[in-house]
């Protein structure tokens, strides 16, 4: 019961520990501020798993945000900023990597895998249809052979009793 009474106090202390600090940057124009927010959404944090630098709490993301602010205020163009970040941290830092020989697998890999999967499905289904068709043909051939057994000479190598028994069995099948 004492634990339940102290629970609000513990939660209050815990919430004080999780206060986040917000970075605020001063921009010379609102256009620079809009560019900052746009680019911070386009650039990925190299240490985080699929988070952009504006959402990441990693120290490296804070450094990238600071560098982004500095470069925007210094008058760099968006392409120049992205080129700088890509040259420093690799293609992973940009959500939309350029189409280049190094990034072909990123751009065309999913399509190649999809095409490979569809071709496997096509060939497997085609083989199943061919096997089913062959099985049906084999059944038809055995059905077509059965009437020829009736017309065959039953006297070859059979005794009189065996011939009569065979005749009865064939009559039962009809």
C-alpha atoms as a PDB file:
ATOM      1  CA  UNK A   1       0.000   0.000   0.000  1.00  0.00           C
ATOM      2  CA  UNK A   2       2.906   2.335   0.706  1.00  0.00           C
ATOM      3  CA  UNK A   3       4.140   1.715  -2.824  1.00  0.00           C
ATOM      4  CA  UNK A   4       0.860   2.961  -4.283  1.00  0.00           C
ATOM      5  CA  UNK A   5       1.029   6.112  -2.174  1.00  0.00           C
ATOM      6  CA  UNK A   6       4.566   6.887  -3.329  1.00  0.00           C
ATOM      7  CA  UNK A   7       3.838   6.145  -7.017  1.00  0.00           C
ATOM      8  CA  UNK A   8       2.728   9.722  -7.905  1.00  0.00           C
ATOM      9  CA  UNK A   9       5.883  11.121  -6.308  1.00  0.00           C
ATOM     10  CA  UNK A  10       8.103   8.705  -8.281  1.00  0.00           C
ATOM     11  CA  UNK A  11       6.299   9.546 -11.518  1.00  0.00           C
ATOM     12  CA  UNK A  12       6.740  13.257 -10.863  1.00  0.00           C
ATOM     13  CA  UNK A  13      10.484  12.811 -10.312  1.00  0.00           C
ATOM     14  CA  UNK A  14      10.761  10.649 -13.414  1.00  0.00           C
ATOM     15  CA  UNK A  15       8.963  13.210 -15.578  1.00  0.00           C
ATOM     16  CA  UNK A  16      11.389  15.920 -14.423  1.00  0.00           C
ATOM     17  CA  UNK A  17      14.294  13.780 -15.569  1.00  0.00           C
ATOM     18  CA  UNK A  18      12.884  13.386 -19.066  1.00  0.00           C
ATOM     19  CA  UNK A  19      12.640  17.075 -19.882  1.00  0.00           C
ATOM     20  CA  UNK A  20      13.988  17.659 -23.363  1.00  0.00           C
ATOM     21  CA  UNK A  21      15.986  20.659 -24.357  1.00  0.00           C
ATOM     22  CA  UNK A  22      14.898  22.382 -27.537  1.00  0.00           C
ATOM     23  CA  UNK A  23      17.367  23.972 -29.866  1.00  0.00           C
ATOM     24  CA  UNK A  24      16.395  27.351 -31.174  1.00  0.00           C
ATOM     25  CA  UNK A  25      18.176  29.005 -34.033  1.00  0.00           C
ATOM     26  CA  UNK A  26      17.879  32.603 -35.134  1.00  0.00           C
ATOM     27  CA  UNK A  27      17.485  33.060 -38.878  1.00  0.00           C
ATOM     28  CA  UNK A  28      18.043  36.228 -40.841  1.00  0.00           C
ATOM     29  CA  UNK A  29      15.018  35.608 -43.086  1.00  0.00           C
ATOM     30  CA  UNK A  30      11.935  33.426 -42.985  1.00  0.00           C
ATOM     31  CA  UNK A  31      13.061  31.906 -46.291  1.00  0.00           C
ATOM     32  CA  UNK A  32      16.217  30.615 -44.568  1.00  0.00           C
ATOM     33  CA  UNK A  33      14.079  29.214 -41.762  1.00  0.00           C
ATOM     34  CA  UNK A  34      11.850  27.387 -44.264  1.00  0.00           C
ATOM     35  CA  UNK A  35      14.932  26.010 -46.042  1.00  0.00           C
ATOM     36  CA  UNK A  36      16.292  24.814 -42.693  1.00  0.00           C
ATOM     37  CA  UNK A  37      13.094  22.896 -41.864  1.00  0.00           C
ATOM     38  CA  UNK A  38      12.888  21.438 -45.373  1.00  0.00           C
ATOM     39  CA  UNK A  39      16.516  20.269 -45.390  1.00  0.00           C
ATOM     40  CA  UNK A  40      16.384  18.954 -41.829  1.00  0.00           C
ATOM     41  CA  UNK A  41      13.521  16.679 -42.931  1.00  0.00           C
ATOM     42  CA  UNK A  42      15.471  15.494 -46.000  1.00  0.00           C
ATOM     43  CA  UNK A  43      18.710  14.672 -44.186  1.00  0.00           C
ATOM     44  CA  UNK A  44      18.927  11.415 -42.238  1.00  0.00           C
ATOM     45  CA  UNK A  45      20.809  10.984 -38.984  1.00  0.00           C
ATOM     46  CA  UNK A  46      23.782   8.663 -39.662  1.00  0.00           C
ATOM     47  CA  UNK A  47      23.652   7.114 -36.186  1.00  0.00           C
ATOM     48  CA  UNK A  48      19.889   6.625 -35.879  1.00  0.00           C
ATOM     49  CA  UNK A  49      17.728   4.073 -37.579  1.00  0.00           C
ATOM     50  CA  UNK A  50      15.738   5.893 -40.229  1.00  0.00           C
ATOM     51  CA  UNK A  51      15.216   9.197 -38.409  1.00  0.00           C
ATOM     52  CA  UNK A  52      15.801  12.584 -39.937  1.00  0.00           C
ATOM     53  CA  UNK A  53      18.055  15.036 -38.161  1.00  0.00           C
ATOM     54  CA  UNK A  54      15.152  17.177 -36.955  1.00  0.00           C
ATOM     55  CA  UNK A  55      13.597  14.226 -35.064  1.00  0.00           C
ATOM     56  CA  UNK A  56      16.772  12.645 -33.747  1.00  0.00           C
ATOM     57  CA  UNK A  57      18.145  13.228 -30.249  1.00  0.00           C
ATOM     58  CA  UNK A  58      21.600  11.888 -31.092  1.00  0.00           C
ATOM     59  CA  UNK A  59      24.549  14.205 -30.502  1.00  0.00           C
ATOM     60  CA  UNK A  60      25.628  13.777 -34.121  1.00  0.00           C
ATOM     61  CA  UNK A  61      22.188  14.940 -35.285  1.00  0.00           C
ATOM     62  CA  UNK A  62      22.548  18.036 -33.094  1.00  0.00           C
ATOM     63  CA  UNK A  63      25.920  18.727 -34.743  1.00  0.00           C
ATOM     64  CA  UNK A  64      24.343  18.266 -38.177  1.00  0.00           C
ATOM     65  CA  UNK A  65      21.525  20.677 -37.306  1.00  0.00           C
ATOM     66  CA  UNK A  66      24.054  23.236 -36.101  1.00  0.00           C
ATOM     67  CA  UNK A  67      26.122  22.793 -39.278  1.00  0.00           C
ATOM     68  CA  UNK A  68      22.990  23.058 -41.409  1.00  0.00           C
ATOM     69  CA  UNK A  69      22.057  26.328 -39.691  1.00  0.00           C
ATOM     70  CA  UNK A  70      25.559  27.707 -40.196  1.00  0.00           C
ATOM     71  CA  UNK A  71      25.622  26.786 -43.890  1.00  0.00           C
ATOM     72  CA  UNK A  72      22.175  28.249 -44.582  1.00  0.00           C
ATOM     73  CA  UNK A  73      23.077  31.502 -42.869  1.00  0.00           C
ATOM     74  CA  UNK A  74      26.398  31.560 -44.762  1.00  0.00           C
ATOM     75  CA  UNK A  75      24.445  31.525 -48.037  1.00  0.00           C
ATOM     76  CA  UNK A  76      25.068  28.004 -49.297  1.00  0.00           C
ATOM     77  CA  UNK A  77      22.550  26.650 -51.803  1.00  0.00           C
ATOM     78  CA  UNK A  78      20.521  23.534 -51.003  1.00  0.00           C
ATOM     79  CA  UNK A  79      22.483  21.410 -53.488  1.00  0.00           C
ATOM     80  CA  UNK A  80      25.763  22.563 -51.973  1.00  0.00           C
ATOM     81  CA  UNK A  81      24.598  21.682 -48.465  1.00  0.00           C
ATOM     82  CA  UNK A  82      23.420  18.225 -49.560  1.00  0.00           C
ATOM     83  CA  UNK A  83      26.677  17.654 -51.487  1.00  0.00           C
ATOM     84  CA  UNK A  84      28.669  18.576 -48.375  1.00  0.00           C
ATOM     85  CA  UNK A  85      26.656  16.223 -46.139  1.00  0.00           C
ATOM     86  CA  UNK A  86      26.831  13.361 -48.666  1.00  0.00           C
ATOM     87  CA  UNK A  87      30.578  13.798 -49.170  1.00  0.00           C
ATOM     88  CA  UNK A  88      31.116  13.766 -45.420  1.00  0.00           C
ATOM     89  CA  UNK A  89      28.630  11.054 -44.304  1.00  0.00           C
ATOM     90  CA  UNK A  90      27.895   9.089 -47.485  1.00  0.00           C
ATOM     91  CA  UNK A  91      24.710   8.558 -49.499  1.00  0.00           C
ATOM     92  CA  UNK A  92      22.911   7.208 -46.442  1.00  0.00           C
ATOM     93  CA  UNK A  93      22.547  10.729 -45.020  1.00  0.00           C
ATOM     94  CA  UNK A  94      20.162  11.752 -47.816  1.00  0.00           C
ATOM     95  CA  UNK A  95      16.693  10.194 -48.024  1.00  0.00           C
ATOM     96  CA  UNK A  96      16.709  10.508 -51.812  1.00  0.00           C
ATOM     97  CA  UNK A  97      20.179   9.370 -52.935  1.00  0.00           C
ATOM     98  CA  UNK A  98      21.296  10.331 -56.425  1.00  0.00           C
ATOM     99  CA  UNK A  99      21.231   7.780 -59.233  1.00  0.00           C
ATOM    100  CA  UNK A 100      24.883   6.832 -59.650  1.00  0.00           C
ATOM    101  CA  UNK A 101      26.773   3.558 -60.111  1.00  0.00           C
ATOM    102  CA  UNK A 102      27.264   3.370 -56.338  1.00  0.00           C
ATOM    103  CA  UNK A 103      23.505   3.644 -55.691  1.00  0.00           C
ATOM    104  CA  UNK A 104      22.139   1.454 -58.509  1.00  0.00           C
ATOM    105  CA  UNK A 105      21.358  -1.312 -56.050  1.00  0.00           C
ATOM    106  CA  UNK A 106      19.287   1.104 -53.948  1.00  0.00           C
ATOM    107  CA  UNK A 107      17.290   2.323 -56.918  1.00  0.00           C
ATOM    108  CA  UNK A 108      16.957  -0.796 -59.066  1.00  0.00           C
ATOM    109  CA  UNK A 109      17.426  -3.642 -56.565  1.00  0.00           C
ATOM    110  CA  UNK A 110      13.771  -3.802 -55.471  1.00  0.00           C
ATOM    111  CA  UNK A 111      12.590  -3.978 -59.094  1.00  0.00           C
ATOM    112  CA  UNK A 112      15.067  -6.734 -59.906  1.00  0.00           C
ATOM    113  CA  UNK A 113      13.932  -8.725 -56.868  1.00  0.00           C
ATOM    114  CA  UNK A 114      10.277  -8.211 -57.816  1.00  0.00           C
ATOM    115  CA  UNK A 115      10.942  -9.341 -61.381  1.00  0.00           C
ATOM    116  CA  UNK A 116      12.840 -12.396 -60.100  1.00  0.00           C
ATOM    117  CA  UNK A 117      10.006 -13.312 -57.749  1.00  0.00           C
ATOM    118  CA  UNK A 118       7.396 -12.967 -60.487  1.00  0.00           C
ATOM    119  CA  UNK A 119       9.451 -15.121 -62.853  1.00  0.00           C
ATOM    120  CA  UNK A 120       9.780 -17.831 -60.194  1.00  0.00           C
ATOM    121  CA  UNK A 121       6.006 -17.778 -59.664  1.00  0.00           C
ATOM    122  CA  UNK A 122       5.453 -17.946 -63.432  1.00  0.00           C
ATOM    123  CA  UNK A 123       7.784 -20.922 -63.969  1.00  0.00           C
ATOM    124  CA  UNK A 124       6.490 -22.845 -60.952  1.00  0.00           C
ATOM    125  CA  UNK A 125       2.871 -22.424 -62.021  1.00  0.00           C
ATOM    126  CA  UNK A 126       3.736 -23.361 -65.605  1.00  0.00           C
ATOM    127  CA  UNK A 127       5.515 -26.538 -64.449  1.00  0.00           C
ATOM    128  CA  UNK A 128       2.538 -27.476 -62.287  1.00  0.00           C
ATOM    129  CA  UNK A 129       0.159 -27.049 -65.239  1.00  0.00           C
ATOM    130  CA  UNK A 130       2.429 -29.144 -67.466  1.00  0.00           C
ATOM    131  CA  UNK A 131       2.624 -31.907 -64.838  1.00  0.00           C
ATOM    132  CA  UNK A 132      -1.157 -31.865 -64.393  1.00  0.00           C
ATOM    133  CA  UNK A 133      -1.669 -32.042 -68.168  1.00  0.00           C
ATOM    134  CA  UNK A 134       0.743 -34.997 -68.444  1.00  0.00           C
ATOM    135  CA  UNK A 135      -1.058 -36.778 -65.598  1.00  0.00           C
ATOM    136  CA  UNK A 136      -4.413 -36.273 -67.354  1.00  0.00           C
ATOM    137  CA  UNK A 137      -2.980 -37.625 -70.616  1.00  0.00           C
ATOM    138  CA  UNK A 138      -1.609 -40.671 -68.783  1.00  0.00           C
ATOM    139  CA  UNK A 139      -5.045 -41.316 -67.276  1.00  0.00           C
ATOM    140  CA  UNK A 140      -6.674 -40.983 -70.718  1.00  0.00           C
ATOM    141  CA  UNK A 141      -4.182 -43.434 -72.200  1.00  0.00           C
ATOM    142  CA  UNK A 142      -4.923 -46.025 -69.518  1.00  0.00           C
ATOM    143  CA  UNK A 143      -8.665 -45.541 -70.043  1.00  0.00           C
ATOM    144  CA  UNK A 144      -8.207 -45.924 -73.806  1.00  0.00           C
ATOM    145  CA  UNK A 145      -6.177 -49.121 -73.291  1.00  0.00           C
ATOM    146  CA  UNK A 146      -8.853 -50.802 -71.129  1.00  0.00           C
ATOM    147  CA  UNK A 147     -11.322 -51.516 -73.999  1.00  0.00           C
ATOM    148  CA  UNK A 148      -8.544 -53.079 -76.044  1.00  0.00           C
ATOM    149  CA  UNK A 149      -8.047 -55.631 -73.256  1.00  0.00           C
ATOM    150  CA  UNK A 150     -11.584 -56.907 -73.906  1.00  0.00           C
ATOM    151  CA  UNK A 151     -10.841 -57.330 -77.573  1.00  0.00           C
ATOM    152  CA  UNK A 152      -7.565 -59.121 -76.903  1.00  0.00           C
ATOM    153  CA  UNK A 153      -7.360 -62.829 -77.327  1.00  0.00           C
ATOM    154  CA  UNK A 154      -8.057 -64.209 -73.878  1.00  0.00           C
ATOM    155  CA  UNK A 155      -7.126 -67.740 -74.769  1.00  0.00           C
ATOM    156  CA  UNK A 156      -3.374 -67.176 -74.857  1.00  0.00           C
ATOM    157  CA  UNK A 157      -1.851 -69.229 -72.045  1.00  0.00           C
ATOM    158  CA  UNK A 158      -4.951 -69.419 -69.805  1.00  0.00           C
ATOM    159  CA  UNK A 159      -6.743 -72.538 -68.686  1.00  0.00           C
ATOM    160  CA  UNK A 160     -10.508 -72.924 -69.166  1.00  0.00           C
ATOM    161  CA  UNK A 161     -11.242 -72.032 -65.515  1.00  0.00           C
ATOM    162  CA  UNK A 162      -9.030 -68.923 -65.664  1.00  0.00           C
ATOM    163  CA  UNK A 163     -10.759 -67.778 -68.870  1.00  0.00           C
ATOM    164  CA  UNK A 164     -14.187 -68.143 -67.292  1.00  0.00           C
ATOM    165  CA  UNK A 165     -13.110 -66.270 -64.171  1.00  0.00           C
ATOM    166  CA  UNK A 166     -11.615 -63.497 -66.320  1.00  0.00           C
ATOM    167  CA  UNK A 167     -14.856 -63.235 -68.306  1.00  0.00           C
ATOM    168  CA  UNK A 168     -16.861 -62.897 -65.065  1.00  0.00           C
ATOM    169  CA  UNK A 169     -14.529 -60.206 -63.739  1.00  0.00           C
ATOM    170  CA  UNK A 170     -14.735 -58.254 -66.987  1.00  0.00           C
ATOM    171  CA  UNK A 171     -18.553 -58.501 -66.929  1.00  0.00           C
ATOM    172  CA  UNK A 172     -18.572 -57.145 -63.373  1.00  0.00           C
ATOM    173  CA  UNK A 173     -16.505 -54.122 -64.432  1.00  0.00           C
ATOM    174  CA  UNK A 174     -19.045 -53.207 -67.105  1.00  0.00           C
END
